[in-house]
Amino acid sequence: QKGLNIDYDLLKKGFAPSVFIKPYNSFIDKCFRTNVVQNASWPDPPTNGWITCQNAISTFSDIIRTNVVVQYLDGIDDVVKMISGMTLCNVDYQAKNEGYYAVHIDVKTRFEVPRVDWDTQLIDGKVEIQVTTELKELIKEMLHKSYEGDRSTMSIMEPDKGWQWNYQSNKFRLNFLGHVVHSLEGSILDIRERENNLK
């Protein structure tokens, strides 16, 4: 499939979207991180209130998610324009200190979920679409494995000497690799567009 403003295949070769449902352990872990680890007001509630079993599904955007992997950096904007033109959504261009770069598109929808009395109810929720490039997807997979075990124990405040100075650590290598890849992809597109303008 071609993009809106590009003359090459938009998606990664052989790409087929898959639907991911957040595992229960990951769900509980995210509740803990939101309520405690990332809560600067602890032991008081977070700014938007406690995350509970009653409001978590309507609060979290990644209970159900999928990934769209494009070949090059400029393909991300094409996917964002196509999806936002079809449905009501929120677009978040993420660039994290840890070298994570991706666009998260939260599509608003309604879910029918069970209640404590075994009846069901309709709630407003979101489905998350993560859009990234082929190279960044590879970096993201490596970063996720690196952080999977220690995200819930990270301090709210960075230590005086953070991972940016520990050049022998996996975090140093992977995080800066994410920044380097993003810079490289941008430079490649910049050169290509300059050459096209000279034709």
Protein backbone atom coordinates (compact mmCIF):
# COMPACT_ATOMS: atom_id res chain seq x y z
CA GLN A 1 0.00 0.00 0.00
CA LYS A 2 1.28 3.45 -0.93
CA GLY A 3 1.10 6.39 1.44
CA LEU A 4 -0.56 9.73 0.80
CA ASN A 5 2.58 11.64 -0.17
CA ILE A 6 5.21 8.95 -0.76
CA ASP A 7 6.14 6.87 -3.80
CA TYR A 8 7.21 3.67 -2.04
CA ASP A 9 5.41 0.94 -0.10
CA LEU A 10 4.15 2.47 3.14
CA LEU A 11 4.22 -0.58 5.41
CA LYS A 12 7.02 -2.91 6.41
CA LYS A 13 7.29 -5.80 3.94
CA GLY A 14 5.18 -8.72 5.10
CA PHE A 15 3.56 -6.67 7.87
CA ALA A 16 0.19 -7.88 9.14
CA PRO A 17 -1.46 -6.16 12.15
CA SER A 18 -2.19 -8.19 15.26
CA VAL A 19 -4.45 -7.40 18.20
CA PHE A 20 -2.82 -7.51 21.65
CA ILE A 21 -4.83 -7.77 24.87
CA LYS A 22 -2.98 -6.59 27.97
CA PRO A 23 -2.16 -9.59 30.21
CA TYR A 24 -3.65 -9.50 33.70
CA ASN A 25 -0.24 -9.35 35.44
CA SER A 26 0.78 -6.44 33.21
CA PHE A 27 -2.54 -4.73 33.99
CA ILE A 28 -2.01 -5.04 37.77
CA ASP A 29 1.59 -3.89 37.38
CA LYS A 30 0.50 -0.77 35.48
CA CYS A 31 -2.06 0.05 38.18
CA PHE A 32 0.71 -0.20 40.78
CA ARG A 33 3.11 1.95 38.76
CA THR A 34 0.46 4.62 38.19
CA ASN A 35 -0.75 4.67 41.79
CA VAL A 36 2.63 4.34 43.52
CA VAL A 37 5.87 4.37 41.50
CA GLN A 38 4.98 7.27 39.18
CA ASN A 39 2.82 9.09 41.72
CA ALA A 40 4.72 12.19 42.84
CA SER A 41 1.98 12.83 45.45
CA TRP A 42 2.33 9.45 47.18
CA PRO A 43 0.89 8.49 49.67
CA ASP A 44 -1.87 10.83 48.46
CA PRO A 45 -3.76 9.94 45.27
CA PRO A 46 -2.32 10.74 41.83
CA THR A 47 -3.42 13.98 40.18
CA ASN A 48 -6.35 12.30 38.40
CA GLY A 49 -7.30 10.06 41.35
CA TRP A 50 -6.62 6.43 42.22
CA ILE A 51 -6.68 3.83 39.48
CA THR A 52 -9.10 1.10 40.55
CA CYS A 53 -10.65 -1.99 39.01
CA GLN A 54 -13.76 0.12 38.41
CA ASN A 55 -12.09 2.86 36.33
CA ALA A 56 -8.91 1.28 34.92
CA ILE A 57 -10.41 0.04 31.64
CA SER A 58 -11.77 3.49 30.80
CA THR A 59 -8.54 5.18 31.98
CA PHE A 60 -5.82 3.10 30.32
CA SER A 61 -5.52 3.35 26.55
CA ASP A 62 -3.61 0.12 25.94
CA ILE A 63 -5.94 -2.57 27.31
CA ILE A 64 -6.44 -3.48 23.65
CA ARG A 65 -3.79 -2.32 21.18
CA THR A 66 -2.19 -2.99 17.84
CA ASN A 67 0.99 -1.89 16.05
CA VAL A 68 1.40 -0.43 12.58
CA VAL A 69 4.99 -0.68 11.32
CA VAL A 70 5.97 1.56 8.41
CA GLN A 71 9.20 1.41 6.44
CA TYR A 72 10.39 5.00 6.86
CA LEU A 73 9.89 7.94 9.21
CA ASP A 74 7.69 9.98 6.87
CA GLY A 75 5.24 7.07 6.63
CA ILE A 76 4.19 7.68 10.24
CA ASP A 77 2.47 10.99 9.37
CA ASP A 78 0.63 9.30 6.50
CA VAL A 79 -0.80 6.65 8.83
CA VAL A 80 -1.77 9.31 11.39
CA LYS A 81 -3.60 11.35 8.72
CA MET A 82 -5.45 8.30 7.39
CA ILE A 83 -6.62 7.06 10.80
CA SER A 84 -7.50 10.50 12.21
CA GLY A 85 -9.48 11.18 9.03
CA MET A 86 -11.63 8.11 9.63
CA THR A 87 -12.39 8.18 13.36
CA LEU A 88 -12.36 10.26 16.53
CA CYS A 89 -8.97 9.82 18.18
CA ASN A 90 -6.16 11.42 20.17
CA VAL A 91 -2.66 11.50 18.66
CA ASP A 92 0.43 11.54 20.89
CA TYR A 93 3.91 11.85 19.33
CA GLN A 94 6.10 10.25 21.99
CA ALA A 95 9.82 10.92 22.39
CA LYS A 96 11.16 9.55 25.64
CA ASN A 97 14.42 10.10 27.44
CA GLU A 98 15.01 6.35 27.17
CA GLY A 99 15.22 6.46 23.37
CA TYR A 100 11.64 5.39 22.66
CA TYR A 101 10.05 7.08 19.64
CA ALA A 102 6.57 6.21 18.40
CA VAL A 103 3.17 7.74 17.78
CA HIS A 104 0.28 6.50 19.90
CA ILE A 105 -3.19 6.91 18.43
CA ASP A 106 -5.96 6.40 20.99
CA VAL A 107 -9.22 5.58 19.22
CA LYS A 108 -12.29 6.26 21.33
CA THR A 109 -14.86 3.47 21.45
CA ARG A 110 -17.41 1.79 23.75
CA PHE A 111 -16.93 -1.50 25.54
CA GLU A 112 -19.46 -3.84 27.06
CA VAL A 113 -17.88 -5.12 30.27
CA PRO A 114 -19.10 -7.34 33.13
CA ARG A 115 -20.23 -5.85 36.44
CA VAL A 116 -19.78 -7.33 39.91
CA ASP A 117 -23.37 -8.66 39.79
CA TRP A 118 -22.52 -10.56 36.54
CA ASP A 119 -24.65 -8.22 34.44
CA THR A 120 -22.90 -6.02 31.84
CA GLN A 121 -22.53 -2.30 31.31
CA LEU A 122 -21.31 0.00 28.53
CA ILE A 123 -18.26 2.15 29.27
CA ASP A 124 -16.25 4.62 27.22
CA GLY A 125 -12.75 3.39 26.50
CA LYS A 126 -9.89 3.48 24.01
CA VAL A 127 -8.01 1.20 21.66
CA GLU A 128 -4.36 2.10 21.18
CA ILE A 129 -2.62 2.02 17.79
CA GLN A 130 1.15 2.36 18.02
CA VAL A 131 2.78 3.58 14.80
CA THR A 132 6.53 3.22 14.39
CA THR A 133 9.21 2.42 11.85
CA GLU A 134 10.81 -0.94 11.14
CA LEU A 135 14.08 0.02 12.84
CA LYS A 136 12.34 1.57 15.84
CA GLU A 137 10.19 -1.53 16.29
CA LEU A 138 13.38 -3.54 16.67
CA ILE A 139 14.73 -1.07 19.25
CA LYS A 140 11.39 -1.06 21.10
CA GLU A 141 11.43 -4.85 21.44
CA MET A 142 14.94 -4.74 22.91
CA LEU A 143 14.05 -1.88 25.27
CA HIS A 144 10.91 -3.66 26.48
CA LYS A 145 12.86 -6.79 27.38
CA SER A 146 15.47 -4.68 29.15
CA TYR A 147 12.93 -2.81 31.33
CA GLU A 148 10.27 -5.49 31.79
CA GLY A 149 11.61 -6.67 35.14
CA ASP A 150 12.45 -3.38 36.86
CA ARG A 151 9.84 -0.80 35.81
CA SER A 152 7.84 -1.30 39.00
CA THR A 153 10.83 -0.70 41.25
CA MET A 154 12.17 2.47 39.60
CA SER A 155 12.41 5.51 41.83
CA ILE A 156 10.17 8.48 41.17
CA MET A 157 13.27 10.66 41.01
CA GLU A 158 16.33 9.92 38.85
CA PRO A 159 19.51 9.36 40.88
CA ASP A 160 22.25 12.01 40.73
CA LYS A 161 24.24 9.74 38.42
CA GLY A 162 21.71 8.16 36.06
CA TRP A 163 21.97 5.59 33.29
CA GLN A 164 23.28 8.29 30.93
CA TRP A 165 26.67 8.03 32.69
CA ASN A 166 26.84 4.25 33.09
CA TYR A 167 28.36 3.48 29.67
CA GLN A 168 28.82 -0.23 30.48
CA SER A 169 25.12 -0.87 31.12
CA ASN A 170 22.50 -2.28 28.76
CA LYS A 171 20.33 0.80 29.39
CA PHE A 172 23.09 3.10 28.15
CA ARG A 173 23.64 1.05 24.98
CA LEU A 174 19.97 0.51 24.13
CA ASN A 175 18.65 3.95 25.08
CA PHE A 176 21.23 5.88 23.11
CA LEU A 177 20.84 3.43 20.23
CA GLY A 178 17.19 4.52 20.08
CA HIS A 179 18.23 8.18 19.82
CA VAL A 180 20.88 7.41 17.20
CA VAL A 181 18.40 5.45 15.04
CA HIS A 182 15.86 8.31 15.21
CA SER A 183 18.52 10.83 14.18
CA LEU A 184 19.75 8.57 11.38
CA GLU A 185 16.24 8.05 9.98
CA GLY A 186 15.63 11.79 10.00
CA SER A 187 18.94 12.46 8.26
CA ILE A 188 18.18 9.89 5.54
CA LEU A 189 14.81 11.51 4.79
CA ASP A 190 16.34 15.00 4.84
CA ILE A 191 18.96 13.97 2.26
CA ARG A 192 16.37 12.23 0.08
CA GLU A 193 14.04 15.25 0.10
CA ARG A 194 16.90 17.62 -0.74
CA GLU A 195 17.88 15.43 -3.70
CA ASN A 196 14.27 15.28 -4.91
CA ASN A 197 14.04 19.08 -4.75
CA LEU A 198 17.13 19.37 -6.96
CA LYS A 199 15.61 17.22 -9.73
